[in-house]
């Protein structure tokens, strides 16, 4: 998972450069895959993304949402989630 950013409810991130490689950070909407038990969810969230290495920085609020979604997936509490299709495990030969 990406590191935490200080961008919470409109506050600017404390990082001016990527903490991993020193590259430039830009604000983007990204897709994050979350797994819990046998279930997977795709979540679209804002993040600061490094243009050099691709590191993603999320706000503490977003990380808390990730944790809540993972718990719901683990406990099969998916009533408010919209199905996107089916997932399959395929063994390479």
PDB file of N, CA and C in Angstrom:
ATOM      1  N   UNK A   1       0.851  -1.170   0.000  1.00  0.00           N
ATOM      2  CA  UNK A   1       0.000   0.000   0.000  1.00  0.00           C
ATOM      3  C   UNK A   1       0.896   1.232   0.000  1.00  0.00           C
ATOM      4  N   UNK A   2       0.401   2.313  -0.581  1.00  0.00           N
ATOM      5  CA  UNK A   2       1.155   3.558  -0.605  1.00  0.00           C
ATOM      6  C   UNK A   2       1.283   4.149   0.795  1.00  0.00           C
ATOM      7  N   UNK A   3       2.120   5.118   0.911  1.00  0.00           N
ATOM      8  CA  UNK A   3       2.338   5.780   2.194  1.00  0.00           C
ATOM      9  C   UNK A   3       1.238   6.803   2.464  1.00  0.00           C
ATOM     10  N   UNK A   4       1.169   7.277   3.694  1.00  0.00           N
ATOM     11  CA  UNK A   4       0.175   8.272   4.078  1.00  0.00           C
ATOM     12  C   UNK A   4       0.594   9.655   3.606  1.00  0.00           C
ATOM     13  N   UNK A   5      -0.360  10.421   3.158  1.00  0.00           N
ATOM     14  CA  UNK A   5      -0.115  11.825   2.804  1.00  0.00           C
ATOM     15  C   UNK A   5      -0.922  12.680   3.748  1.00  0.00           C
ATOM     16  N   UNK A   6      -0.542  13.923   3.878  1.00  0.00           N
ATOM     17  CA  UNK A   6      -1.246  14.827   4.768  1.00  0.00           C
ATOM     18  C   UNK A   6      -2.405  15.535   4.095  1.00  0.00           C
ATOM     19  N   UNK A   7      -2.800  15.102   2.919  1.00  0.00           N
ATOM     20  CA  UNK A   7      -3.890  15.755   2.201  1.00  0.00           C
ATOM     21  C   UNK A   7      -5.206  15.210   2.717  1.00  0.00           C
ATOM     22  N   UNK A   8      -5.766  15.883   3.674  1.00  0.00           N
ATOM     23  CA  UNK A   8      -7.003  15.429   4.285  1.00  0.00           C
ATOM     24  C   UNK A   8      -8.003  16.571   4.246  1.00  0.00           C
ATOM     25  N   UNK A   9      -9.106  16.345   3.557  1.00  0.00           N
ATOM     26  CA  UNK A   9     -10.180  17.335   3.447  1.00  0.00           C
ATOM     27  C   UNK A   9      -9.645  18.686   2.987  1.00  0.00           C
ATOM     28  N   UNK A  10      -8.863  18.674   1.874  1.00  0.00           N
ATOM     29  CA  UNK A  10      -8.410  19.921   1.286  1.00  0.00           C
ATOM     30  C   UNK A  10      -7.094  20.456   1.822  1.00  0.00           C
ATOM     31  N   UNK A  11      -6.525  19.847   2.847  1.00  0.00           N
ATOM     32  CA  UNK A  11      -5.237  20.318   3.366  1.00  0.00           C
ATOM     33  C   UNK A  11      -4.125  19.888   2.424  1.00  0.00           C
ATOM     34  N   UNK A  12      -3.115  20.704   2.300  1.00  0.00           N
ATOM     35  CA  UNK A  12      -1.992  20.371   1.432  1.00  0.00           C
ATOM     36  C   UNK A  12      -1.148  19.260   2.050  1.00  0.00           C
ATOM     37  N   UNK A  13      -0.555  18.455   1.198  1.00  0.00           N
ATOM     38  CA  UNK A  13       0.310  17.382   1.653  1.00  0.00           C
ATOM     39  C   UNK A  13       1.587  17.964   2.267  1.00  0.00           C
ATOM     40  N   UNK A  14       2.134  17.344   3.305  1.00  0.00           N
ATOM     41  CA  UNK A  14       3.380  17.845   3.885  1.00  0.00           C
ATOM     42  C   UNK A  14       4.585  17.540   2.997  1.00  0.00           C
ATOM     43  N   UNK A  15       4.386  16.688   1.994  1.00  0.00           N
ATOM     44  CA  UNK A  15       5.481  16.320   1.100  1.00  0.00           C
ATOM     45  C   UNK A  15       5.478  17.217  -0.125  1.00  0.00           C
ATOM     46  N   UNK A  16       6.619  17.809  -0.423  1.00  0.00           N
ATOM     47  CA  UNK A  16       6.747  18.563  -1.664  1.00  0.00           C
ATOM     48  C   UNK A  16       7.342  17.679  -2.747  1.00  0.00           C
ATOM     49  N   UNK A  17       8.018  16.628  -2.329  1.00  0.00           N
ATOM     50  CA  UNK A  17       8.609  15.645  -3.240  1.00  0.00           C
ATOM     51  C   UNK A  17       8.297  14.250  -2.728  1.00  0.00           C
ATOM     52  N   UNK A  18       8.420  13.246  -3.577  1.00  0.00           N
ATOM     53  CA  UNK A  18       8.176  11.861  -3.198  1.00  0.00           C
ATOM     54  C   UNK A  18       9.154  11.450  -2.089  1.00  0.00           C
ATOM     55  N   UNK A  19       8.640  10.863  -0.991  1.00  0.00           N
ATOM     56  CA  UNK A  19       9.534  10.434   0.089  1.00  0.00           C
ATOM     57  C   UNK A  19      10.371   9.205  -0.276  1.00  0.00           C
ATOM     58  N   UNK A  20      10.040   8.544  -1.379  1.00  0.00           N
ATOM     59  CA  UNK A  20      10.787   7.353  -1.801  1.00  0.00           C
ATOM     60  C   UNK A  20      11.957   7.724  -2.716  1.00  0.00           C
ATOM     61  N   UNK A  21      11.665   8.535  -3.761  1.00  0.00           N
ATOM     62  CA  UNK A  21      12.714   8.813  -4.757  1.00  0.00           C
ATOM     63  C   UNK A  21      13.000  10.291  -4.974  1.00  0.00           C
ATOM     64  N   UNK A  22      12.199  11.180  -4.365  1.00  0.00           N
ATOM     65  CA  UNK A  22      12.408  12.608  -4.544  1.00  0.00           C
ATOM     66  C   UNK A  22      11.747  13.182  -5.784  1.00  0.00           C
ATOM     67  N   UNK A  23      10.951  12.362  -6.484  1.00  0.00           N
ATOM     68  CA  UNK A  23      10.276  12.816  -7.700  1.00  0.00           C
ATOM     69  C   UNK A  23       9.122  13.764  -7.406  1.00  0.00           C
ATOM     70  N   UNK A  24       8.568  14.333  -8.471  1.00  0.00           N
ATOM     71  CA  UNK A  24       7.455  15.275  -8.360  1.00  0.00           C
ATOM     72  C   UNK A  24       6.149  14.543  -8.066  1.00  0.00           C
ATOM     73  N   UNK A  25       5.345  15.104  -7.163  1.00  0.00           N
ATOM     74  CA  UNK A  25       4.039  14.541  -6.814  1.00  0.00           C
ATOM     75  C   UNK A  25       2.941  15.310  -7.527  1.00  0.00           C
ATOM     76  N   UNK A  26       1.952  14.580  -8.046  1.00  0.00           N
ATOM     77  CA  UNK A  26       0.780  15.207  -8.662  1.00  0.00           C
ATOM     78  C   UNK A  26      -0.472  14.576  -8.064  1.00  0.00           C
ATOM     79  N   UNK A  27      -1.532  15.373  -7.984  1.00  0.00           N
ATOM     80  CA  UNK A  27      -2.804  14.903  -7.449  1.00  0.00           C
ATOM     81  C   UNK A  27      -3.561  14.187  -8.573  1.00  0.00           C
ATOM     82  N   UNK A  28      -4.033  12.952  -8.295  1.00  0.00           N
ATOM     83  CA  UNK A  28      -4.750  12.168  -9.300  1.00  0.00           C
ATOM     84  C   UNK A  28      -5.860  11.358  -8.641  1.00  0.00           C
ATOM     85  N   UNK A  29      -6.826  10.950  -9.445  1.00  0.00           N
ATOM     86  CA  UNK A  29      -7.809   9.944  -9.044  1.00  0.00           C
ATOM     87  C   UNK A  29      -7.206   8.607  -9.473  1.00  0.00           C
ATOM     88  N   UNK A  30      -7.144   7.648  -8.563  1.00  0.00           N
ATOM     89  CA  UNK A  30      -6.557   6.346  -8.868  1.00  0.00           C
ATOM     90  C   UNK A  30      -7.533   5.237  -8.474  1.00  0.00           C
ATOM     91  N   UNK A  31      -7.310   4.064  -9.012  1.00  0.00           N
ATOM     92  CA  UNK A  31      -8.064   2.883  -8.615  1.00  0.00           C
ATOM     93  C   UNK A  31      -7.196   2.041  -7.696  1.00  0.00           C
ATOM     94  N   UNK A  32      -7.767   1.607  -6.591  1.00  0.00           N
ATOM     95  CA  UNK A  32      -7.064   0.773  -5.611  1.00  0.00           C
ATOM     96  C   UNK A  32      -7.817  -0.539  -5.495  1.00  0.00           C
ATOM     97  N   UNK A  33      -7.118  -1.653  -5.610  1.00  0.00           N
ATOM     98  CA  UNK A  33      -7.713  -2.974  -5.397  1.00  0.00           C
ATOM     99  C   UNK A  33      -7.569  -3.342  -3.939  1.00  0.00           C
ATOM    100  N   UNK A  34      -8.685  -3.708  -3.317  1.00  0.00           N
ATOM    101  CA  UNK A  34      -8.678  -4.130  -1.917  1.00  0.00           C
ATOM    102  C   UNK A  34      -9.186  -5.556  -1.835  1.00  0.00           C
ATOM    103  N   UNK A  35      -8.506  -6.376  -1.044  1.00  0.00           N
ATOM    104  CA  UNK A  35      -8.920  -7.764  -0.876  1.00  0.00           C
ATOM    105  C   UNK A  35      -9.272  -8.019   0.572  1.00  0.00           C
ATOM    106  N   UNK A  36     -10.312  -8.818   0.758  1.00  0.00           N
ATOM    107  CA  UNK A  36     -10.725  -9.241   2.086  1.00  0.00           C
ATOM    108  C   UNK A  36     -11.370 -10.601   1.966  1.00  0.00           C
ATOM    109  N   UNK A  37     -10.779 -11.611   2.600  1.00  0.00           N
ATOM    110  CA  UNK A  37     -11.297 -12.969   2.418  1.00  0.00           C
ATOM    111  C   UNK A  37     -11.157 -13.369   0.960  1.00  0.00           C
ATOM    112  N   UNK A  38     -12.241 -13.870   0.390  1.00  0.00           N
ATOM    113  CA  UNK A  38     -12.235 -14.287  -1.022  1.00  0.00           C
ATOM    114  C   UNK A  38     -12.771 -13.189  -1.937  1.00  0.00           C
ATOM    115  N   UNK A  39     -12.996 -11.998  -1.399  1.00  0.00           N
ATOM    116  CA  UNK A  39     -13.599 -10.916  -2.169  1.00  0.00           C
ATOM    117  C   UNK A  39     -12.586  -9.820  -2.491  1.00  0.00           C
ATOM    118  N   UNK A  40     -12.832  -9.122  -3.599  1.00  0.00           N
ATOM    119  CA  UNK A  40     -11.995  -8.021  -4.038  1.00  0.00           C
ATOM    120  C   UNK A  40     -12.884  -6.839  -4.393  1.00  0.00           C
ATOM    121  N   UNK A  41     -12.462  -5.636  -4.044  1.00  0.00           N
ATOM    122  CA  UNK A  41     -13.192  -4.420  -4.392  1.00  0.00           C
ATOM    123  C   UNK A  41     -12.261  -3.459  -5.117  1.00  0.00           C
ATOM    124  N   UNK A  42     -12.817  -2.718  -6.048  1.00  0.00           N
ATOM    125  CA  UNK A  42     -12.097  -1.660  -6.746  1.00  0.00           C
ATOM    126  C   UNK A  42     -12.639  -0.345  -6.210  1.00  0.00           C
ATOM    127  N   UNK A  43     -11.742   0.504  -5.693  1.00  0.00           N
ATOM    128  CA  UNK A  43     -12.145   1.778  -5.097  1.00  0.00           C
ATOM    129  C   UNK A  43     -11.426   2.900  -5.837  1.00  0.00           C
ATOM    130  N   UNK A  44     -12.179   3.911  -6.270  1.00  0.00           N
ATOM    131  CA  UNK A  44     -11.582   5.076  -6.914  1.00  0.00           C
ATOM    132  C   UNK A  44     -11.419   6.158  -5.852  1.00  0.00           C
ATOM    133  N   UNK A  45     -10.168   6.607  -5.653  1.00  0.00           N
ATOM    134  CA  UNK A  45      -9.853   7.562  -4.584  1.00  0.00           C
ATOM    135  C   UNK A  45      -8.821   8.581  -5.063  1.00  0.00           C
ATOM    136  N   UNK A  46      -8.771   9.734  -4.372  1.00  0.00           N
ATOM    137  CA  UNK A  46      -7.711  10.701  -4.681  1.00  0.00           C
ATOM    138  C   UNK A  46      -6.400  10.269  -4.025  1.00  0.00           C
ATOM    139  N   UNK A  47      -5.301  10.583  -4.680  1.00  0.00           N
ATOM    140  CA  UNK A  47      -3.975  10.262  -4.135  1.00  0.00           C
ATOM    141  C   UNK A  47      -2.955  11.230  -4.712  1.00  0.00           C
ATOM    142  N   UNK A  48      -1.849  11.367  -4.016  1.00  0.00           N
ATOM    143  CA  UNK A  48      -0.686  12.067  -4.556  1.00  0.00           C
ATOM    144  C   UNK A  48       0.174  10.970  -5.180  1.00  0.00           C
ATOM    145  N   UNK A  49       0.519  11.121  -6.459  1.00  0.00           N
ATOM    146  CA  UNK A  49       1.248  10.080  -7.185  1.00  0.00           C
ATOM    147  C   UNK A  49       2.567  10.651  -7.688  1.00  0.00           C
ATOM    148  N   UNK A  50       3.642   9.899  -7.468  1.00  0.00           N
ATOM    149  CA  UNK A  50       4.967  10.315  -7.932  1.00  0.00           C
ATOM    150  C   UNK A  50       5.088  10.070  -9.427  1.00  0.00           C
ATOM    151  N   UNK A  51       5.506  11.100 -10.148  1.00  0.00           N
ATOM    152  CA  UNK A  51       5.683  10.965 -11.594  1.00  0.00           C
ATOM    153  C   UNK A  51       6.903  10.127 -11.966  1.00  0.00           C
ATOM    154  N   UNK A  52       7.857   9.967 -11.040  1.00  0.00           N
ATOM    155  CA  UNK A  52       9.065   9.204 -11.338  1.00  0.00           C
ATOM    156  C   UNK A  52       8.901   7.715 -11.017  1.00  0.00           C
ATOM    157  N   UNK A  53       8.501   7.397  -9.778  1.00  0.00           N
ATOM    158  CA  UNK A  53       8.470   5.982  -9.370  1.00  0.00           C
ATOM    159  C   UNK A  53       7.061   5.406  -9.233  1.00  0.00           C
ATOM    160  N   UNK A  54       6.026   6.266  -9.261  1.00  0.00           N
ATOM    161  CA  UNK A  54       4.657   5.771  -9.175  1.00  0.00           C
ATOM    162  C   UNK A  54       4.130   5.579  -7.764  1.00  0.00           C
ATOM    163  N   UNK A  55       4.929   5.885  -6.753  1.00  0.00           N
ATOM    164  CA  UNK A  55       4.482   5.752  -5.359  1.00  0.00           C
ATOM    165  C   UNK A  55       3.204   6.553  -5.162  1.00  0.00           C
ATOM    166  N   UNK A  56       2.256   5.980  -4.416  1.00  0.00           N
ATOM    167  CA  UNK A  56       0.990   6.650  -4.122  1.00  0.00           C
ATOM    168  C   UNK A  56       0.934   7.027  -2.651  1.00  0.00           C
ATOM    169  N   UNK A  57       0.519   8.257  -2.373  1.00  0.00           N
ATOM    170  CA  UNK A  57       0.363   8.742  -1.008  1.00  0.00           C
ATOM    171  C   UNK A  57      -1.118   9.006  -0.774  1.00  0.00           C
ATOM    172  N   UNK A  58      -1.684   8.378   0.267  1.00  0.00           N
ATOM    173  CA  UNK A  58      -3.105   8.522   0.582  1.00  0.00           C
ATOM    174  C   UNK A  58      -3.274   9.272   1.901  1.00  0.00           C
ATOM    175  N   UNK A  59      -4.399   9.977   2.028  1.00  0.00           N
ATOM    176  CA  UNK A  59      -4.702  10.648   3.288  1.00  0.00           C
ATOM    177  C   UNK A  59      -5.061   9.604   4.339  1.00  0.00           C
ATOM    178  N   UNK A  60      -4.990  10.002   5.598  1.00  0.00           N
ATOM    179  CA  UNK A  60      -5.364   9.095   6.692  1.00  0.00           C
ATOM    180  C   UNK A  60      -6.822   8.683   6.575  1.00  0.00           C
ATOM    181  N   UNK A  61      -7.677   9.602   6.141  1.00  0.00           N
ATOM    182  CA  UNK A  61      -9.098   9.302   5.968  1.00  0.00           C
ATOM    183  C   UNK A  61      -9.303   8.208   4.923  1.00  0.00           C
ATOM    184  N   UNK A  62      -8.584   8.290   3.823  1.00  0.00           N
ATOM    185  CA  UNK A  62      -8.695   7.279   2.763  1.00  0.00           C
ATOM    186  C   UNK A  62      -8.190   5.936   3.268  1.00  0.00           C
ATOM    187  N   UNK A  63      -7.092   5.916   4.003  1.00  0.00           N
ATOM    188  CA  UNK A  63      -6.550   4.660   4.536  1.00  0.00           C
ATOM    189  C   UNK A  63      -7.553   4.019   5.499  1.00  0.00           C
ATOM    190  N   UNK A  64      -8.227   4.833   6.315  1.00  0.00           N
ATOM    191  CA  UNK A  64      -9.266   4.299   7.217  1.00  0.00           C
ATOM    192  C   UNK A  64     -10.410   3.680   6.407  1.00  0.00           C
ATOM    193  N   UNK A  65     -10.772   4.320   5.304  1.00  0.00           N
ATOM    194  CA  UNK A  65     -11.813   3.764   4.442  1.00  0.00           C
ATOM    195  C   UNK A  65     -11.372   2.426   3.859  1.00  0.00           C
ATOM    196  N   UNK A  66     -10.098   2.318   3.466  1.00  0.00           N
ATOM    197  CA  UNK A  66      -9.565   1.047   2.964  1.00  0.00           C
ATOM    198  C   UNK A  66      -9.744  -0.044   4.021  1.00  0.00           C
ATOM    199  N   UNK A  67      -9.393   0.269   5.263  1.00  0.00           N
ATOM    200  CA  UNK A  67      -9.502  -0.709   6.350  1.00  0.00           C
ATOM    201  C   UNK A  67     -10.948  -1.139   6.565  1.00  0.00           C
ATOM    202  N   UNK A  68     -11.880  -0.189   6.542  1.00  0.00           N
ATOM    203  CA  UNK A  68     -13.297  -0.508   6.715  1.00  0.00           C
ATOM    204  C   UNK A  68     -13.809  -1.404   5.588  1.00  0.00           C
ATOM    205  N   UNK A  69     -13.414  -1.090   4.362  1.00  0.00           N
ATOM    206  CA  UNK A  69     -13.853  -1.887   3.214  1.00  0.00           C
ATOM    207  C   UNK A  69     -13.292  -3.297   3.307  1.00  0.00           C
ATOM    208  N   UNK A  70     -12.017  -3.438   3.676  1.00  0.00           N
ATOM    209  CA  UNK A  70     -11.419  -4.780   3.817  1.00  0.00           C
ATOM    210  C   UNK A  70     -12.158  -5.612   4.866  1.00  0.00           C
ATOM    211  N   UNK A  71     -12.512  -4.987   6.002  1.00  0.00           N
ATOM    212  CA  UNK A  71     -13.257  -5.704   7.043  1.00  0.00           C
ATOM    213  C   UNK A  71     -14.608  -6.165   6.525  1.00  0.00           C
ATOM    214  N   UNK A  72     -15.299  -5.296   5.786  1.00  0.00           N
ATOM    215  CA  UNK A  72     -16.595  -5.667   5.221  1.00  0.00           C
ATOM    216  C   UNK A  72     -16.448  -6.819   4.241  1.00  0.00           C
ATOM    217  N   UNK A  73     -15.420  -6.780   3.418  1.00  0.00           N
ATOM    218  CA  UNK A  73     -15.184  -7.866   2.475  1.00  0.00           C
ATOM    219  C   UNK A  73     -14.916  -9.176   3.202  1.00  0.00           C
ATOM    220  N   UNK A  74     -14.094  -9.134   4.242  1.00  0.00           N
ATOM    221  CA  UNK A  74     -13.778 -10.339   5.012  1.00  0.00           C
ATOM    222  C   UNK A  74     -15.016 -10.957   5.645  1.00  0.00           C
ATOM    223  N   UNK A  75     -15.943 -10.098   6.106  1.00  0.00           N
ATOM    224  CA  UNK A  75     -17.157 -10.574   6.772  1.00  0.00           C
ATOM    225  C   UNK A  75     -18.332 -10.717   5.804  1.00  0.00           C
ATOM    226  N   UNK A  76     -18.057 -10.601   4.499  1.00  0.00           N
ATOM    227  CA  UNK A  76     -19.062 -10.723   3.444  1.00  0.00           C
ATOM    228  C   UNK A  76     -20.217  -9.746   3.622  1.00  0.00           C
ATOM    229  N   UNK A  77     -19.911  -8.562   4.136  1.00  0.00           N
ATOM    230  CA  UNK A  77     -20.902  -7.494   4.303  1.00  0.00           C
ATOM    231  C   UNK A  77     -20.845  -6.591   3.074  1.00  0.00           C
ATOM    232  N   UNK A  78     -21.325  -7.103   1.946  1.00  0.00           N
ATOM    233  CA  UNK A  78     -21.199  -6.416   0.664  1.00  0.00           C
ATOM    234  C   UNK A  78     -22.526  -5.851   0.154  1.00  0.00           C
ATOM    235  N   UNK A  79     -23.499  -5.678   1.030  1.00  0.00           N
ATOM    236  CA  UNK A  79     -24.826  -5.220   0.615  1.00  0.00           C
ATOM    237  C   UNK A  79     -24.777  -3.875  -0.118  1.00  0.00           C
ATOM    238  N   UNK A  80     -23.924  -2.950   0.277  1.00  0.00           N
ATOM    239  CA  UNK A  80     -23.854  -1.646  -0.371  1.00  0.00           C
ATOM    240  C   UNK A  80     -22.885  -1.587  -1.539  1.00  0.00           C
ATOM    241  N   UNK A  81     -22.276  -2.697  -1.891  1.00  0.00           N
ATOM    242  CA  UNK A  81     -21.285  -2.730  -2.967  1.00  0.00           C
ATOM    243  C   UNK A  81     -21.955  -3.130  -4.281  1.00  0.00           C
ATOM    244  N   UNK A  82     -21.480  -2.584  -5.392  1.00  0.00           N
ATOM    245  CA  UNK A  82     -22.026  -2.905  -6.713  1.00  0.00           C
ATOM    246  C   UNK A  82     -21.157  -3.980  -7.367  1.00  0.00           C
ATOM    247  N   UNK A  83     -21.749  -5.113  -7.724  1.00  0.00           N
ATOM    248  CA  UNK A  83     -20.970  -6.170  -8.384  1.00  0.00           C
ATOM    249  C   UNK A  83     -20.444  -5.694  -9.743  1.00  0.00           C
ATOM    250  N   UNK A  84     -19.198  -6.091 -10.064  1.00  0.00           N
ATOM    251  CA  UNK A  84     -18.587  -5.717 -11.337  1.00  0.00           C
ATOM    252  C   UNK A  84     -18.387  -6.905 -12.267  1.00  0.00           C
ATOM    253  N   UNK A  85     -18.611  -8.083 -11.803  1.00  0.00           N
ATOM    254  CA  UNK A  85     -18.363  -9.270 -12.609  1.00  0.00           C
ATOM    255  C   UNK A  85     -17.868 -10.388 -11.719  1.00  0.00           C
ATOM    256  N   UNK A  86     -17.105 -11.290 -12.275  1.00  0.00           N
ATOM    257  CA  UNK A  86     -16.564 -12.412 -11.516  1.00  0.00           C
ATOM    258  C   UNK A  86     -15.045 -12.379 -11.584  1.00  0.00           C
ATOM    259  N   UNK A  87     -14.419 -12.927 -10.554  1.00  0.00           N
ATOM    260  CA  UNK A  87     -12.965 -13.070 -10.533  1.00  0.00           C
ATOM    261  C   UNK A  87     -12.630 -14.547 -10.639  1.00  0.00           C
ATOM    262  N   UNK A  88     -11.505 -14.857 -11.247  1.00  0.00           N
ATOM    263  CA  UNK A  88     -11.095 -16.240 -11.427  1.00  0.00           C
ATOM    264  C   UNK A  88      -9.620 -16.399 -11.072  1.00  0.00           C
ATOM    265  N   UNK A  89      -9.290 -17.533 -10.479  1.00  0.00           N
ATOM    266  CA  UNK A  89      -7.898 -17.875 -10.237  1.00  0.00           C
ATOM    267  C   UNK A  89      -7.484 -18.859 -11.319  1.00  0.00           C
ATOM    268  N   UNK A  90      -6.391 -18.558 -12.001  1.00  0.00           N
ATOM    269  CA  UNK A  90      -5.914 -19.391 -13.091  1.00  0.00           C
ATOM    270  C   UNK A  90      -4.470 -19.750 -12.805  1.00  0.00           C
ATOM    271  N   UNK A  91      -4.166 -21.038 -12.825  1.00  0.00           N
ATOM    272  CA  UNK A  91      -2.785 -21.487 -12.616  1.00  0.00           C
ATOM    273  C   UNK A  91      -2.078 -21.539 -13.957  1.00  0.00           C
ATOM    274  N   UNK A  92      -0.913 -20.900 -14.020  1.00  0.00           N
ATOM    275  CA  UNK A  92      -0.112 -20.919 -15.234  1.00  0.00           C
ATOM    276  C   UNK A  92       0.524 -22.289 -15.392  1.00  0.00           C
ATOM    277  N   UNK A  93       0.655 -22.727 -16.619  1.00  0.00           N
ATOM    278  CA  UNK A  93       1.269 -24.040 -16.855  1.00  0.00           C
ATOM    279  C   UNK A  93       2.686 -23.916 -17.335  1.00  0.00           C
TER     280      UNK A  93
END
